[in-house]
Amino acid sequence: KRATDVNESYYRQEIDFKINHEGYDVPNPFGKLNVVLMQNYRWDNAITGLKPKYIKDSELDYNFDNGENVFDANNEFREIDIKSIKYQTIRIKNIQFEQQDKLEHVYVLPDEQRSFKQYYSMPDLNGNFIIKKNEGSDSEIDADYVKVHFTLPYAPPIQNGNLYLFGKFSDWKFKEELKLTYDTLKQEYKKEILLKQGYYNYAYCFVKDASKNTGDLSVIEGSHYETENNYTILVYHRELNDNYDRLVGYASKGNGN
């Protein structure tokens, strides 16, 4: 749902939930349970260490009003369709074979900053991807690698951090090989990467120099409460005398927008 805080309600989402542990003994839910909230299976912005606000019998209530369980809603993911290199799909500018590396090069139309644009509802895979080649019977075997060129016109360059191509195809990590470089002459960020043919969701994620493990999608993509996201709840329990946490509960659901 929209964040309870009025000042954040237009760009953030709040995840309220209850845990029913009937039939499973939890003597000390405040000390021995560790609840993790994840947005689109990302670990970099996961919320950890949540404690129940209320306890009633075997029901633990995690309905907060203090922002503990709130995420930036961000935006729907961008997409590219490279299931075929015989024709250009809607977001592909050009496809050409390069003799030098013996690869097809796919040039994506220049992307644009969306942080100041209105929300536009667009079905996506919440950052996922599908390996697929239209011409072939077994995509896992038949799909070819192609070199995909991304550009993001942006001036001046962002200070104190870097931009990364980000999504399930990056394992939800900020990989050096997916870090964009800035072309001062053309005033744009750019990156070329190898991808196997298919359909991909992606986004531009900003990572501050001072916080290399947490990304911010809103800098380039914007953030709107209407965005459809998938949220996952992981419940870990450490029993008496154990020195490890055991996963005892799991739930995953879209927010329905």
C-alpha atoms as a PDB file:
ATOM      1  CA  LYS A   1       0.000   0.000   0.000  1.00  0.00           C
ATOM      2  CA  ARG A   2       0.990   3.676  -0.147  1.00  0.00           C
ATOM      3  CA  ALA A   3       3.241   4.811   2.662  1.00  0.00           C
ATOM      4  CA  THR A   4       1.336   6.010   5.730  1.00  0.00           C
ATOM      5  CA  ASP A   5       3.459   9.152   6.012  1.00  0.00           C
ATOM      6  CA  VAL A   6       1.702  11.784   3.898  1.00  0.00           C
ATOM      7  CA  ASN A   7       5.023  13.308   2.880  1.00  0.00           C
ATOM      8  CA  GLU A   8       6.147   9.965   1.429  1.00  0.00           C
ATOM      9  CA  SER A   9       2.848   8.597   0.160  1.00  0.00           C
ATOM     10  CA  TYR A  10       3.351   9.673  -3.446  1.00  0.00           C
ATOM     11  CA  TYR A  11       6.627   7.816  -3.991  1.00  0.00           C
ATOM     12  CA  ARG A  12       6.946   5.052  -1.384  1.00  0.00           C
ATOM     13  CA  GLN A  13       5.193   1.769  -0.545  1.00  0.00           C
ATOM     14  CA  GLU A  14       4.526   0.294   2.885  1.00  0.00           C
ATOM     15  CA  ILE A  15       4.481  -3.452   3.534  1.00  0.00           C
ATOM     16  CA  ASP A  16       2.280  -4.389   6.497  1.00  0.00           C
ATOM     17  CA  PHE A  17       1.860  -8.082   7.311  1.00  0.00           C
ATOM     18  CA  LYS A  18       1.093 -10.644   9.985  1.00  0.00           C
ATOM     19  CA  ILE A  19       2.799 -13.935  10.788  1.00  0.00           C
ATOM     20  CA  ASN A  20       0.721 -16.807  12.147  1.00  0.00           C
ATOM     21  CA  HIS A  21       2.964 -19.420  13.752  1.00  0.00           C
ATOM     22  CA  GLU A  22       0.240 -21.706  15.090  1.00  0.00           C
ATOM     23  CA  GLY A  23       1.768 -25.152  15.545  1.00  0.00           C
ATOM     24  CA  TYR A  24       5.303 -23.796  15.622  1.00  0.00           C
ATOM     25  CA  ASP A  25       6.681 -22.752  18.992  1.00  0.00           C
ATOM     26  CA  VAL A  26       8.424 -19.373  19.152  1.00  0.00           C
ATOM     27  CA  PRO A  27       9.147 -18.648  22.839  1.00  0.00           C
ATOM     28  CA  ASN A  28      10.941 -15.367  22.140  1.00  0.00           C
ATOM     29  CA  PRO A  29       9.816 -13.721  18.874  1.00  0.00           C
ATOM     30  CA  PHE A  30      11.551 -10.449  19.779  1.00  0.00           C
ATOM     31  CA  GLY A  31      14.938 -12.061  20.213  1.00  0.00           C
ATOM     32  CA  LYS A  32      14.946 -15.258  18.164  1.00  0.00           C
ATOM     33  CA  LEU A  33      13.063 -14.292  14.989  1.00  0.00           C
ATOM     34  CA  ASN A  34      14.678 -12.333  12.178  1.00  0.00           C
ATOM     35  CA  VAL A  35      12.254 -11.100   9.525  1.00  0.00           C
ATOM     36  CA  VAL A  36      13.556  -9.875   6.163  1.00  0.00           C
ATOM     37  CA  LEU A  37      11.589  -7.846   3.602  1.00  0.00           C
ATOM     38  CA  MET A  38      12.778  -7.884  -0.004  1.00  0.00           C
ATOM     39  CA  GLN A  39      11.625  -5.864  -3.001  1.00  0.00           C
ATOM     40  CA  ASN A  40      11.883  -7.707  -6.335  1.00  0.00           C
ATOM     41  CA  TYR A  41      14.375 -10.158  -4.799  1.00  0.00           C
ATOM     42  CA  ARG A  42      16.978  -7.445  -4.165  1.00  0.00           C
ATOM     43  CA  TRP A  43      19.313  -7.883  -1.213  1.00  0.00           C
ATOM     44  CA  ASP A  44      20.968  -4.474  -1.461  1.00  0.00           C
ATOM     45  CA  ASN A  45      17.904  -2.601  -0.145  1.00  0.00           C
ATOM     46  CA  ALA A  46      16.382  -5.406   1.943  1.00  0.00           C
ATOM     47  CA  ILE A  47      14.895  -4.462   5.311  1.00  0.00           C
ATOM     48  CA  THR A  48      16.159  -6.720   8.090  1.00  0.00           C
ATOM     49  CA  GLY A  49      15.744  -7.146  11.813  1.00  0.00           C
ATOM     50  CA  LEU A  50      12.027  -6.324  11.990  1.00  0.00           C
ATOM     51  CA  LYS A  51      10.405  -7.072  15.344  1.00  0.00           C
ATOM     52  CA  PRO A  52       6.644  -7.533  15.824  1.00  0.00           C
ATOM     53  CA  LYS A  53       4.697  -4.491  16.923  1.00  0.00           C
ATOM     54  CA  TYR A  54       1.956  -6.550  18.556  1.00  0.00           C
ATOM     55  CA  ILE A  55       1.620 -10.167  19.652  1.00  0.00           C
ATOM     56  CA  LYS A  56      -1.748 -11.874  20.049  1.00  0.00           C
ATOM     57  CA  ASP A  57      -1.690 -15.600  20.759  1.00  0.00           C
ATOM     58  CA  SER A  58       0.141 -17.152  17.786  1.00  0.00           C
ATOM     59  CA  GLU A  59      -0.146 -14.060  15.598  1.00  0.00           C
ATOM     60  CA  LEU A  60       2.669 -11.539  15.178  1.00  0.00           C
ATOM     61  CA  ASP A  61       1.661  -8.144  13.785  1.00  0.00           C
ATOM     62  CA  TYR A  62       4.130  -6.110  11.727  1.00  0.00           C
ATOM     63  CA  ASN A  63       2.018  -3.032  11.022  1.00  0.00           C
ATOM     64  CA  PHE A  64       4.269  -0.037  11.573  1.00  0.00           C
ATOM     65  CA  ASP A  65       3.690   3.684  11.234  1.00  0.00           C
ATOM     66  CA  ASN A  66       7.286   4.783  11.704  1.00  0.00           C
ATOM     67  CA  GLY A  67       8.696   3.909   8.274  1.00  0.00           C
ATOM     68  CA  GLU A  68      10.455   0.698   9.323  1.00  0.00           C
ATOM     69  CA  ASN A  69       8.714  -1.275   6.586  1.00  0.00           C
ATOM     70  CA  VAL A  70       8.774   1.256   3.740  1.00  0.00           C
ATOM     71  CA  PHE A  71      10.495   1.106   0.338  1.00  0.00           C
ATOM     72  CA  ASP A  72      10.932   3.577  -2.479  1.00  0.00           C
ATOM     73  CA  ALA A  73       8.375   2.314  -5.014  1.00  0.00           C
ATOM     74  CA  ASN A  74      10.674   3.208  -7.936  1.00  0.00           C
ATOM     75  CA  ASN A  75       9.350   2.726 -11.477  1.00  0.00           C
ATOM     76  CA  GLU A  76       8.428  -0.032 -13.905  1.00  0.00           C
ATOM     77  CA  PHE A  77      11.515  -1.569 -15.478  1.00  0.00           C
ATOM     78  CA  ARG A  78      12.721  -0.708 -18.954  1.00  0.00           C
ATOM     79  CA  GLU A  79      12.735  -3.493 -21.532  1.00  0.00           C
ATOM     80  CA  ILE A  80      14.532  -4.751 -24.595  1.00  0.00           C
ATOM     81  CA  ASP A  81      13.406  -7.546 -26.887  1.00  0.00           C
ATOM     82  CA  ILE A  82      16.293  -9.279 -28.642  1.00  0.00           C
ATOM     83  CA  LYS A  83      14.590 -12.616 -29.293  1.00  0.00           C
ATOM     84  CA  SER A  84      15.377 -12.133 -32.973  1.00  0.00           C
ATOM     85  CA  ILE A  85      18.155 -10.301 -34.789  1.00  0.00           C
ATOM     86  CA  LYS A  86      16.384 -10.580 -38.135  1.00  0.00           C
ATOM     87  CA  TYR A  87      14.258  -7.523 -37.397  1.00  0.00           C
ATOM     88  CA  GLN A  88      14.220  -4.516 -35.095  1.00  0.00           C
ATOM     89  CA  THR A  89      11.769  -4.546 -32.215  1.00  0.00           C
ATOM     90  CA  ILE A  90      10.192  -1.395 -30.816  1.00  0.00           C
ATOM     91  CA  ARG A  91      13.166  -0.159 -28.764  1.00  0.00           C
ATOM     92  CA  ILE A  92      15.962  -1.226 -31.084  1.00  0.00           C
ATOM     93  CA  LYS A  93      17.593   1.445 -33.234  1.00  0.00           C
ATOM     94  CA  ASN A  94      19.854  -0.714 -35.356  1.00  0.00           C
ATOM     95  CA  ILE A  95      21.323  -4.209 -35.685  1.00  0.00           C
ATOM     96  CA  GLN A  96      24.553  -4.840 -37.542  1.00  0.00           C
ATOM     97  CA  PHE A  97      27.149  -7.569 -37.794  1.00  0.00           C
ATOM     98  CA  GLU A  98      30.702  -6.547 -36.888  1.00  0.00           C
ATOM     99  CA  GLN A  99      33.432  -8.470 -38.667  1.00  0.00           C
ATOM    100  CA  GLN A 100      36.009  -7.573 -36.018  1.00  0.00           C
ATOM    101  CA  ASP A 101      34.449  -9.613 -33.216  1.00  0.00           C
ATOM    102  CA  LYS A 102      32.133 -11.757 -35.365  1.00  0.00           C
ATOM    103  CA  LEU A 103      29.104 -10.645 -33.340  1.00  0.00           C
ATOM    104  CA  GLU A 104      25.780  -9.022 -34.030  1.00  0.00           C
ATOM    105  CA  HIS A 105      25.676  -5.584 -32.404  1.00  0.00           C
ATOM    106  CA  VAL A 106      22.304  -4.353 -31.176  1.00  0.00           C
ATOM    107  CA  TYR A 107      21.926  -0.610 -30.633  1.00  0.00           C
ATOM    108  CA  VAL A 108      19.164   0.332 -28.212  1.00  0.00           C
ATOM    109  CA  LEU A 109      17.416   3.662 -28.714  1.00  0.00           C
ATOM    110  CA  PRO A 110      18.790   6.294 -26.309  1.00  0.00           C
ATOM    111  CA  ASP A 111      17.143   6.044 -22.913  1.00  0.00           C
ATOM    112  CA  GLU A 112      15.982   9.086 -20.996  1.00  0.00           C
ATOM    113  CA  GLN A 113      15.936  10.140 -17.392  1.00  0.00           C
ATOM    114  CA  ARG A 114      12.494   9.426 -15.908  1.00  0.00           C
ATOM    115  CA  SER A 115      12.853  10.939 -12.437  1.00  0.00           C
ATOM    116  CA  PHE A 116      10.727  13.980 -13.321  1.00  0.00           C
ATOM    117  CA  LYS A 117       8.222  12.248 -15.573  1.00  0.00           C
ATOM    118  CA  GLN A 118       4.707  11.175 -14.655  1.00  0.00           C
ATOM    119  CA  TYR A 119       4.061   7.528 -13.903  1.00  0.00           C
ATOM    120  CA  TYR A 120       3.171   5.400 -16.900  1.00  0.00           C
ATOM    121  CA  SER A 121       1.731   1.936 -16.306  1.00  0.00           C
ATOM    122  CA  MET A 122       3.655  -0.649 -18.295  1.00  0.00           C
ATOM    123  CA  PRO A 123       3.637  -4.422 -17.699  1.00  0.00           C
ATOM    124  CA  ASP A 124       7.067  -5.757 -16.828  1.00  0.00           C
ATOM    125  CA  LEU A 125       8.817  -8.762 -15.290  1.00  0.00           C
ATOM    126  CA  ASN A 126       9.900  -6.884 -12.155  1.00  0.00           C
ATOM    127  CA  GLY A 127      13.472  -6.932 -13.379  1.00  0.00           C
ATOM    128  CA  ASN A 128      13.561 -10.517 -14.625  1.00  0.00           C
ATOM    129  CA  PHE A 129      14.597 -11.855 -18.026  1.00  0.00           C
ATOM    130  CA  ILE A 130      13.742 -14.740 -20.367  1.00  0.00           C
ATOM    131  CA  ILE A 131      16.243 -16.501 -22.638  1.00  0.00           C
ATOM    132  CA  LYS A 132      14.495 -16.954 -25.974  1.00  0.00           C
ATOM    133  CA  LYS A 133      15.334 -17.182 -29.666  1.00  0.00           C
ATOM    134  CA  ASN A 134      12.415 -16.944 -32.052  1.00  0.00           C
ATOM    135  CA  GLU A 135      14.195 -18.916 -34.755  1.00  0.00           C
ATOM    136  CA  GLY A 136      14.924 -22.237 -33.107  1.00  0.00           C
ATOM    137  CA  SER A 137      13.426 -25.111 -31.153  1.00  0.00           C
ATOM    138  CA  ASP A 138      15.577 -24.980 -27.995  1.00  0.00           C
ATOM    139  CA  SER A 139      16.396 -21.434 -26.902  1.00  0.00           C
ATOM    140  CA  GLU A 140      18.876 -22.503 -24.229  1.00  0.00           C
ATOM    141  CA  ILE A 141      20.991 -24.069 -26.978  1.00  0.00           C
ATOM    142  CA  ASP A 142      20.037 -22.033 -30.056  1.00  0.00           C
ATOM    143  CA  ALA A 143      20.091 -18.515 -28.586  1.00  0.00           C
ATOM    144  CA  ASP A 144      23.175 -16.542 -29.623  1.00  0.00           C
ATOM    145  CA  TYR A 145      25.166 -13.964 -27.710  1.00  0.00           C
ATOM    146  CA  VAL A 146      24.864 -10.445 -29.067  1.00  0.00           C
ATOM    147  CA  LYS A 147      26.555  -7.221 -28.022  1.00  0.00           C
ATOM    148  CA  VAL A 148      23.986  -4.709 -26.815  1.00  0.00           C
ATOM    149  CA  HIS A 149      24.766  -0.976 -26.756  1.00  0.00           C
ATOM    150  CA  PHE A 150      23.015   1.236 -24.183  1.00  0.00           C
ATOM    151  CA  THR A 151      23.136   5.039 -24.041  1.00  0.00           C
ATOM    152  CA  LEU A 152      21.675   7.490 -21.543  1.00  0.00           C
ATOM    153  CA  PRO A 153      21.973  11.188 -22.480  1.00  0.00           C
ATOM    154  CA  TYR A 154      22.624  13.060 -19.243  1.00  0.00           C
ATOM    155  CA  ALA A 155      24.398  16.297 -18.365  1.00  0.00           C
ATOM    156  CA  PRO A 156      26.291  17.119 -16.307  1.00  0.00           C
ATOM    157  CA  PRO A 157      27.605  13.736 -15.104  1.00  0.00           C
ATOM    158  CA  ILE A 158      26.497  12.628 -11.648  1.00  0.00           C
ATOM    159  CA  GLN A 159      29.059  13.267  -8.931  1.00  0.00           C
ATOM    160  CA  ASN A 160      30.088  11.073  -5.994  1.00  0.00           C
ATOM    161  CA  GLY A 161      28.955   7.787  -7.486  1.00  0.00           C
ATOM    162  CA  ASN A 162      28.420   5.587 -10.524  1.00  0.00           C
ATOM    163  CA  LEU A 163      25.588   4.281 -12.670  1.00  0.00           C
ATOM    164  CA  TYR A 164      25.101   0.569 -13.288  1.00  0.00           C
ATOM    165  CA  LEU A 165      22.870  -1.481 -15.554  1.00  0.00           C
ATOM    166  CA  PHE A 166      20.788  -3.427 -13.057  1.00  0.00           C
ATOM    167  CA  GLY A 167      18.288  -6.274 -12.920  1.00  0.00           C
ATOM    168  CA  LYS A 168      18.038 -10.022 -12.563  1.00  0.00           C
ATOM    169  CA  PHE A 169      20.548 -10.350 -15.421  1.00  0.00           C
ATOM    170  CA  SER A 170      23.115  -8.663 -13.118  1.00  0.00           C
ATOM    171  CA  ASP A 171      22.197 -11.046 -10.278  1.00  0.00           C
ATOM    172  CA  TRP A 172      20.847  -7.920  -8.549  1.00  0.00           C
ATOM    173  CA  LYS A 173      24.464  -6.864  -7.986  1.00  0.00           C
ATOM    174  CA  PHE A 174      26.517  -3.846  -9.019  1.00  0.00           C
ATOM    175  CA  LYS A 175      29.066  -5.472 -11.273  1.00  0.00           C
ATOM    176  CA  GLU A 176      32.111  -3.680 -12.594  1.00  0.00           C
ATOM    177  CA  GLU A 177      31.416  -4.972 -16.102  1.00  0.00           C
ATOM    178  CA  LEU A 178      27.986  -3.301 -15.978  1.00  0.00           C
ATOM    179  CA  LYS A 179      29.198   0.116 -14.793  1.00  0.00           C
ATOM    180  CA  LEU A 180      28.471   2.841 -17.325  1.00  0.00           C
ATOM    181  CA  THR A 181      31.141   5.240 -18.570  1.00  0.00           C
ATOM    182  CA  TYR A 182      30.554   8.899 -19.344  1.00  0.00           C
ATOM    183  CA  ASP A 183      31.255  10.351 -22.786  1.00  0.00           C
ATOM    184  CA  THR A 184      32.041  14.023 -22.194  1.00  0.00           C
ATOM    185  CA  LEU A 185      31.866  14.919 -25.878  1.00  0.00           C
ATOM    186  CA  LYS A 186      28.428  13.366 -26.433  1.00  0.00           C
ATOM    187  CA  GLN A 187      27.247  14.145 -22.881  1.00  0.00           C
ATOM    188  CA  GLU A 188      25.897  10.679 -22.303  1.00  0.00           C
ATOM    189  CA  TYR A 189      26.454   7.540 -20.282  1.00  0.00           C
ATOM    190  CA  LYS A 190      27.112   4.436 -22.331  1.00  0.00           C
ATOM    191  CA  LYS A 191      27.796   0.739 -21.989  1.00  0.00           C
ATOM    192  CA  GLU A 192      27.995  -2.281 -24.259  1.00  0.00           C
ATOM    193  CA  ILE A 193      27.492  -5.762 -22.845  1.00  0.00           C
ATOM    194  CA  LEU A 194      27.113  -9.331 -24.041  1.00  0.00           C
ATOM    195  CA  LEU A 195      23.633 -10.754 -23.596  1.00  0.00           C
ATOM    196  CA  LYS A 196      22.090 -13.994 -24.738  1.00  0.00           C
ATOM    197  CA  GLN A 197      19.070 -13.534 -26.982  1.00  0.00           C
ATOM    198  CA  GLY A 198      15.818 -13.052 -25.120  1.00  0.00           C
ATOM    199  CA  TYR A 199      13.630 -10.498 -23.394  1.00  0.00           C
ATOM    200  CA  TYR A 200      15.205  -8.394 -20.652  1.00  0.00           C
ATOM    201  CA  ASN A 201      14.069  -5.962 -17.990  1.00  0.00           C
ATOM    202  CA  TYR A 202      16.691  -3.486 -16.839  1.00  0.00           C
ATOM    203  CA  ALA A 203      17.127  -0.217 -14.982  1.00  0.00           C
ATOM    204  CA  TYR A 204      19.795   2.394 -14.322  1.00  0.00           C
ATOM    205  CA  CYS A 205      20.905   2.230 -10.701  1.00  0.00           C
ATOM    206  CA  PHE A 206      22.991   4.883  -8.945  1.00  0.00           C
ATOM    207  CA  VAL A 207      25.450   3.767  -6.287  1.00  0.00           C
ATOM    208  CA  LYS A 208      27.111   6.373  -4.085  1.00  0.00           C
ATOM    209  CA  ASP A 209      30.840   6.109  -3.538  1.00  0.00           C
ATOM    210  CA  ALA A 210      30.216   6.130   0.205  1.00  0.00           C
ATOM    211  CA  SER A 211      27.640   3.330   0.016  1.00  0.00           C
ATOM    212  CA  LYS A 212      28.839   0.747  -2.463  1.00  0.00           C
ATOM    213  CA  ASN A 213      26.397  -1.962  -1.396  1.00  0.00           C
ATOM    214  CA  THR A 214      23.094  -0.090  -1.735  1.00  0.00           C
ATOM    215  CA  GLY A 215      21.650   1.208  -4.983  1.00  0.00           C
ATOM    216  CA  ASP A 216      19.202   4.030  -5.688  1.00  0.00           C
ATOM    217  CA  LEU A 217      16.963   3.555  -8.726  1.00  0.00           C
ATOM    218  CA  SER A 218      15.036   6.791  -8.174  1.00  0.00           C
ATOM    219  CA  VAL A 219      17.890   9.036  -9.354  1.00  0.00           C
ATOM    220  CA  ILE A 220      17.353   8.038 -12.995  1.00  0.00           C
ATOM    221  CA  GLU A 221      14.131   6.019 -12.945  1.00  0.00           C
ATOM    222  CA  GLY A 222      11.990   8.095 -10.576  1.00  0.00           C
ATOM    223  CA  SER A 223       9.714   6.705  -7.868  1.00  0.00           C
ATOM    224  CA  HIS A 224       5.907   6.422  -7.929  1.00  0.00           C
ATOM    225  CA  TYR A 225       3.567   4.767  -5.438  1.00  0.00           C
ATOM    226  CA  GLU A 226       1.620   3.179  -8.315  1.00  0.00           C
ATOM    227  CA  THR A 227       4.560   1.011  -9.434  1.00  0.00           C
ATOM    228  CA  GLU A 228       3.892  -2.729  -9.359  1.00  0.00           C
ATOM    229  CA  ASN A 229       6.531  -4.533  -7.306  1.00  0.00           C
ATOM    230  CA  ASN A 230       6.995  -8.008  -5.911  1.00  0.00           C
ATOM    231  CA  TYR A 231       7.608  -8.260  -2.175  1.00  0.00           C
ATOM    232  CA  THR A 232       9.065 -11.244  -0.363  1.00  0.00           C
ATOM    233  CA  ILE A 233       9.009 -11.998   3.365  1.00  0.00           C
ATOM    234  CA  LEU A 234      11.649 -14.328   4.795  1.00  0.00           C
ATOM    235  CA  VAL A 235      11.325 -15.524   8.392  1.00  0.00           C
ATOM    236  CA  TYR A 236      14.417 -16.895  10.117  1.00  0.00           C
ATOM    237  CA  HIS A 237      14.408 -18.543  13.542  1.00  0.00           C
ATOM    238  CA  ARG A 238      17.360 -19.251  15.804  1.00  0.00           C
ATOM    239  CA  GLU A 239      16.480 -21.922  18.321  1.00  0.00           C
ATOM    240  CA  LEU A 240      18.008 -22.195  21.760  1.00  0.00           C
ATOM    241  CA  ASN A 241      21.636 -23.381  21.648  1.00  0.00           C
ATOM    242  CA  ASP A 242      21.823 -22.962  17.856  1.00  0.00           C
ATOM    243  CA  ASN A 243      24.497 -20.764  16.290  1.00  0.00           C
ATOM    244  CA  TYR A 244      22.695 -20.313  12.973  1.00  0.00           C
ATOM    245  CA  ASP A 245      19.380 -18.983  11.670  1.00  0.00           C
ATOM    246  CA  ARG A 246      16.980 -21.405  10.001  1.00  0.00           C
ATOM    247  CA  LEU A 247      14.488 -20.319   7.341  1.00  0.00           C
ATOM    248  CA  VAL A 248      11.050 -21.252   8.700  1.00  0.00           C
ATOM    249  CA  GLY A 249       8.726 -19.004   6.702  1.00  0.00           C
ATOM    250  CA  TYR A 250       8.425 -17.588   3.195  1.00  0.00           C
ATOM    251  CA  ALA A 251       5.815 -15.554   1.343  1.00  0.00           C
ATOM    252  CA  SER A 252       5.945 -13.590  -1.902  1.00  0.00           C
ATOM    253  CA  LYS A 253       3.307 -11.396  -3.508  1.00  0.00           C
ATOM    254  CA  GLY A 254       2.892  -8.475  -5.881  1.00  0.00           C
ATOM    255  CA  ASN A 255       1.384  -5.290  -4.556  1.00  0.00           C
ATOM    256  CA  GLY A 256      -1.412  -5.532  -7.124  1.00  0.00           C
ATOM    257  CA  ASN A 257      -1.055  -2.202  -8.903  1.00  0.00           C
END
